[in-house]
Amino acid sequence: MRKPFVAGNWKMNTDSHTSVELVKSIASGSLEVTGHSVDVAVIPPFVYLQVVAGALSSSSIAVGAQDIYYERQGAFTGEISASMLKDIGCTYALCGHSERRHIIGETDELINKKVAAAVSGGVLPILCVGELIEERQADKTTEVVSRQVKSCLAGLSAAKVSAVTLAYEPVWAIGTGLTATPQQAQEVHTLIRDLLGQMYEESLAEEIRILYGGSVKPNSVTDLMSRQDVDGLLVGGASLNADDFIAIIRAAV
């Protein structure tokens, strides 16, 4: 049985004060379910990671980074390594979020290096995949998602892949108010799990958690989480509201 996992990606929001207030509210409001019934992580901007980790030091809520670089150290201005993230208490790191792909221009090959570096450096990657609206309308969802999964996990052993969480985020549902139907989410999650079974072994594919992300709201959680292959949620805007995020965490159990 895969334990539900809810992660909140704050993107480029909050400040040093509001980030701490937010996590304190989330931690106190979800105390009785976080850790034993559902795994929870918050993913603040780099500059607030340390203060958020400190505020959560007595909580079972984990902290993640919104990105990671694939080199261990050196002359890479503006980049953050796995060892730096671990040093300040990070457990997770997003790799290949659609905004990194489509705004910043990250390729599958670059994301593959980041996933590998995260695992090697002791940080658990959350690998994001998903199609554009034009790709869905052209019936290319299977082609696009399959390519992303294969390319971004290329060269990783089964042992390393076991540390990866995948997140299906249809790009057309991120920040648009649109949400994939539970059936649409299940279809792509099934595709991903079947693909993992082909690339590795079915037993490994059954262990890996696959999250759904894309305008997740409290009222959509129950239907999404009722699907066999939806193991949790990667939440965007709703994770910036303590009451909404707490409601999502509770509904995911």
Protein backbone atom coordinates (compact mmCIF):
# COMPACT_ATOMS: atom_id res chain seq x y z
CA MET A 1 0.00 0.00 0.00
CA ARG A 2 1.47 3.33 -1.08
CA LYS A 3 1.15 6.01 1.59
CA PRO A 4 -0.50 9.21 0.29
CA PHE A 5 1.87 12.10 -0.30
CA VAL A 6 0.87 15.77 -0.53
CA ALA A 7 3.44 18.40 -1.51
CA GLY A 8 2.87 22.15 -1.73
CA ASN A 9 4.89 24.08 -4.32
CA TRP A 10 4.92 27.75 -3.33
CA LYS A 11 6.67 28.87 -6.52
CA MET A 12 7.86 32.53 -6.35
CA ASN A 13 5.65 33.57 -3.43
CA THR A 14 5.82 34.42 0.31
CA ASP A 15 8.45 36.26 2.32
CA SER A 16 10.45 35.37 5.44
CA HIS A 17 7.57 36.23 7.77
CA THR A 18 4.61 34.80 5.85
CA SER A 19 6.49 31.58 5.02
CA VAL A 20 7.01 30.81 8.71
CA GLU A 21 3.46 31.74 9.67
CA LEU A 22 2.12 29.55 6.88
CA VAL A 23 4.03 26.42 7.86
CA LYS A 24 3.23 26.87 11.53
CA SER A 25 -0.47 26.96 10.67
CA ILE A 26 -0.18 23.96 8.36
CA ALA A 27 1.75 21.94 10.93
CA SER A 28 -0.69 22.61 13.76
CA GLY A 29 -3.75 22.08 11.59
CA SER A 30 -2.65 18.71 10.22
CA LEU A 31 -0.82 17.36 13.24
CA GLU A 32 -2.94 14.24 13.80
CA VAL A 33 -2.59 12.90 10.24
CA THR A 34 0.80 14.13 9.02
CA GLY A 35 3.51 11.50 9.08
CA HIS A 36 1.58 8.36 9.97
CA SER A 37 -1.42 8.65 7.61
CA VAL A 38 -0.02 10.95 4.91
CA ASP A 39 3.42 12.29 4.02
CA VAL A 40 3.51 16.07 3.59
CA ALA A 41 6.13 18.41 2.18
CA VAL A 42 6.29 22.14 1.56
CA ILE A 43 8.45 23.54 -1.23
CA PRO A 44 9.29 27.21 -0.63
CA PRO A 45 11.63 29.47 -2.62
CA PHE A 46 15.36 28.82 -2.07
CA VAL A 47 15.86 31.91 0.10
CA TYR A 48 13.29 30.74 2.67
CA LEU A 49 14.25 27.06 2.82
CA GLN A 50 16.36 27.36 5.94
CA VAL A 51 13.90 29.42 7.96
CA VAL A 52 11.02 27.13 6.95
CA ALA A 53 13.04 24.02 7.85
CA GLY A 54 13.76 25.58 11.23
CA ALA A 55 10.10 26.33 11.84
CA LEU A 56 9.24 22.70 11.03
CA SER A 57 12.05 21.13 13.09
CA SER A 58 9.60 19.56 15.55
CA SER A 59 7.11 18.59 12.84
CA SER A 60 6.92 15.56 10.55
CA ILE A 61 6.38 17.87 7.55
CA ALA A 62 9.32 17.69 5.15
CA VAL A 63 10.90 20.51 3.16
CA GLY A 64 11.70 20.43 -0.53
CA ALA A 65 13.43 22.69 -3.05
CA GLN A 66 11.93 23.93 -6.29
CA ASP A 67 15.02 23.00 -8.30
CA ILE A 68 18.48 21.47 -8.00
CA TYR A 69 21.70 21.54 -10.03
CA TYR A 70 23.54 18.47 -11.22
CA GLU A 71 27.09 19.44 -10.27
CA ARG A 72 28.39 18.94 -6.73
CA GLN A 73 30.18 22.30 -6.47
CA GLY A 74 32.11 24.83 -8.51
CA ALA A 75 31.76 27.91 -10.66
CA PHE A 76 28.03 27.65 -11.36
CA THR A 77 26.68 31.07 -10.41
CA GLY A 78 23.14 31.00 -9.09
CA GLU A 79 22.88 27.22 -8.82
CA ILE A 80 22.27 25.06 -5.75
CA SER A 81 23.68 21.56 -5.23
CA ALA A 82 22.25 18.51 -3.52
CA SER A 83 24.75 18.80 -0.66
CA MET A 84 23.71 22.42 -0.03
CA LEU A 85 20.06 21.38 0.12
CA LYS A 86 20.79 18.52 2.50
CA ASP A 87 22.88 20.83 4.66
CA ILE A 88 19.86 23.02 5.45
CA GLY A 89 17.39 20.18 5.96
CA CYS A 90 15.88 19.56 2.52
CA THR A 91 14.41 16.12 1.87
CA TYR A 92 12.95 16.61 -1.62
CA ALA A 93 13.66 18.55 -4.80
CA LEU A 94 11.41 19.18 -7.77
CA CYS A 95 12.94 18.21 -11.10
CA GLY A 96 11.46 19.24 -14.43
CA HIS A 97 8.47 21.26 -13.29
CA SER A 98 6.60 22.49 -16.36
CA GLU A 99 7.49 26.10 -15.59
CA ARG A 100 11.16 25.12 -15.64
CA ARG A 101 10.62 23.30 -18.91
CA HIS A 102 8.48 25.85 -20.75
CA ILE A 103 9.57 29.19 -19.25
CA ILE A 104 13.22 28.52 -18.42
CA GLY A 105 13.77 26.09 -21.29
CA GLU A 106 15.00 22.99 -19.47
CA THR A 107 15.35 19.87 -21.60
CA ASP A 108 14.70 16.25 -20.73
CA GLU A 109 18.46 15.66 -20.87
CA LEU A 110 19.15 18.38 -18.30
CA ILE A 111 16.36 17.15 -16.06
CA ASN A 112 17.79 13.63 -16.28
CA LYS A 113 21.09 14.93 -14.90
CA LYS A 114 19.27 16.71 -12.08
CA VAL A 115 17.30 13.60 -11.10
CA ALA A 116 20.49 11.52 -11.03
CA ALA A 117 22.36 14.15 -9.03
CA ALA A 118 19.56 14.44 -6.50
CA VAL A 119 19.47 10.69 -5.85
CA SER A 120 23.26 10.44 -5.66
CA GLY A 121 23.33 13.39 -3.27
CA GLY A 122 20.72 11.97 -0.92
CA VAL A 123 17.85 14.24 -1.97
CA LEU A 124 14.58 12.64 -3.09
CA PRO A 125 13.55 13.92 -6.53
CA ILE A 126 9.97 14.66 -7.52
CA LEU A 127 10.06 14.30 -11.29
CA CYS A 128 7.35 16.29 -13.05
CA VAL A 129 5.94 15.29 -16.43
CA GLY A 130 2.96 16.49 -18.45
CA GLU A 131 1.66 17.66 -21.79
CA LEU A 132 0.68 21.03 -23.26
CA ILE A 133 -2.93 21.69 -24.27
CA GLU A 134 -1.97 21.49 -27.97
CA GLU A 135 -0.39 18.10 -27.36
CA ARG A 136 -3.48 16.75 -25.62
CA GLN A 137 -5.74 18.08 -28.35
CA ALA A 138 -3.50 16.37 -30.92
CA ASP A 139 -3.76 13.07 -29.00
CA LYS A 140 -0.05 13.18 -28.17
CA THR A 141 -0.36 12.83 -24.39
CA THR A 142 0.92 9.25 -24.39
CA GLU A 143 3.81 10.12 -26.69
CA VAL A 144 4.88 13.19 -24.71
CA VAL A 145 4.59 11.70 -21.22
CA SER A 146 6.30 8.46 -22.28
CA ARG A 147 9.20 10.39 -23.80
CA GLN A 148 9.60 12.51 -20.69
CA VAL A 149 9.58 9.52 -18.32
CA LYS A 150 12.03 7.51 -20.43
CA SER A 151 14.40 10.42 -21.07
CA CYS A 152 14.39 11.81 -17.55
CA LEU A 153 15.05 8.40 -15.96
CA ALA A 154 17.58 7.29 -18.59
CA GLY A 155 20.59 5.51 -17.11
CA LEU A 156 19.15 5.25 -13.59
CA SER A 157 19.24 1.84 -11.96
CA ALA A 158 16.19 0.33 -10.31
CA ALA A 159 17.71 1.13 -6.91
CA LYS A 160 18.01 4.80 -7.81
CA VAL A 161 14.58 5.00 -9.40
CA SER A 162 13.07 3.65 -6.20
CA ALA A 163 13.96 7.01 -4.61
CA VAL A 164 11.98 8.96 -7.22
CA THR A 165 8.42 10.25 -6.89
CA LEU A 166 6.71 11.12 -10.16
CA ALA A 167 4.17 13.89 -10.59
CA TYR A 168 1.83 14.12 -13.56
CA GLU A 169 1.00 17.77 -14.17
CA PRO A 170 -0.95 18.46 -17.36
CA VAL A 171 0.44 21.87 -18.29
CA TRP A 172 -3.00 23.04 -19.41
CA ALA A 173 -4.28 22.58 -15.85
CA ILE A 174 -1.56 24.52 -14.01
CA GLY A 175 -2.73 27.89 -12.75
CA THR A 176 -5.64 27.90 -15.19
CA GLY A 177 -8.42 26.76 -12.90
CA LEU A 178 -8.83 23.69 -15.11
CA THR A 179 -8.31 20.28 -13.57
CA ALA A 180 -7.98 16.97 -15.34
CA THR A 181 -10.92 14.74 -14.58
CA PRO A 182 -10.20 11.88 -12.19
CA GLN A 183 -10.48 9.53 -15.16
CA GLN A 184 -7.98 11.56 -17.23
CA ALA A 185 -5.57 11.57 -14.29
CA GLN A 186 -5.98 7.82 -13.78
CA GLU A 187 -5.35 7.10 -17.46
CA VAL A 188 -2.01 8.92 -17.47
CA HIS A 189 -0.98 7.55 -14.07
CA THR A 190 -1.71 4.04 -15.37
CA LEU A 191 0.40 4.82 -18.43
CA ILE A 192 3.30 5.95 -16.23
CA ARG A 193 3.09 2.92 -13.92
CA ASP A 194 2.89 0.50 -16.84
CA LEU A 195 5.88 2.21 -18.44
CA LEU A 196 7.89 1.92 -15.23
CA GLY A 197 7.01 -1.77 -15.13
CA GLN A 198 8.37 -2.19 -18.65
CA MET A 199 11.53 -0.19 -17.93
CA TYR A 200 12.25 -1.92 -14.61
CA GLU A 201 10.04 -4.44 -12.85
CA GLU A 202 6.35 -4.47 -12.01
CA SER A 203 7.14 -4.78 -8.31
CA LEU A 204 9.13 -1.54 -8.43
CA ALA A 205 6.44 0.18 -10.47
CA GLU A 206 3.89 -0.75 -7.81
CA GLU A 207 6.01 0.87 -5.08
CA ILE A 208 6.62 4.23 -6.74
CA ARG A 209 4.25 7.03 -5.85
CA ILE A 210 2.71 9.06 -8.67
CA LEU A 211 1.22 12.42 -7.72
CA TYR A 212 -1.32 14.50 -9.64
CA GLY A 213 -0.82 18.25 -9.95
CA GLY A 214 -2.75 20.97 -11.71
CA SER A 215 -5.10 23.45 -10.00
CA VAL A 216 -5.79 21.05 -7.13
CA LYS A 217 -8.48 22.37 -4.78
CA PRO A 218 -9.99 20.88 -1.61
CA ASN A 219 -13.20 19.94 -3.41
CA SER A 220 -11.37 17.91 -6.09
CA VAL A 221 -9.19 15.81 -3.79
CA THR A 222 -11.57 13.00 -2.83
CA ASP A 223 -12.41 12.09 -6.43
CA LEU A 224 -8.77 12.26 -7.52
CA MET A 225 -7.49 10.21 -4.59
CA SER A 226 -10.17 7.56 -5.15
CA ARG A 227 -8.36 6.48 -8.31
CA GLN A 228 -6.14 3.44 -7.97
CA ASP A 229 -2.95 4.98 -9.34
CA VAL A 230 -3.26 8.50 -7.90
CA ASP A 231 -1.04 8.35 -4.82
CA GLY A 232 -1.03 11.99 -3.82
CA LEU A 233 -1.03 15.56 -4.97
CA LEU A 234 1.40 18.28 -6.00
CA VAL A 235 -0.44 21.44 -5.01
CA GLY A 236 0.29 24.93 -6.32
CA GLY A 237 -1.76 27.99 -5.40
CA ALA A 238 -3.91 26.23 -2.80
CA SER A 239 -0.78 25.41 -0.77
CA LEU A 240 -0.34 29.12 -0.06
CA ASN A 241 -3.58 29.14 1.94
CA ALA A 242 -3.22 27.25 5.21
CA ASP A 243 -6.90 26.32 5.49
CA ASP A 244 -7.06 25.04 1.91
CA PHE A 245 -3.83 23.07 2.19
CA ILE A 246 -4.89 21.52 5.51
CA ALA A 247 -8.22 20.54 3.93
CA ILE A 248 -6.34 18.93 1.02
CA ILE A 249 -4.04 17.03 3.38
CA ARG A 250 -6.99 15.72 5.39
CA ALA A 251 -8.96 14.76 2.28
CA ALA A 252 -5.98 12.84 0.87
CA VAL A 253 -5.87 10.37 3.77
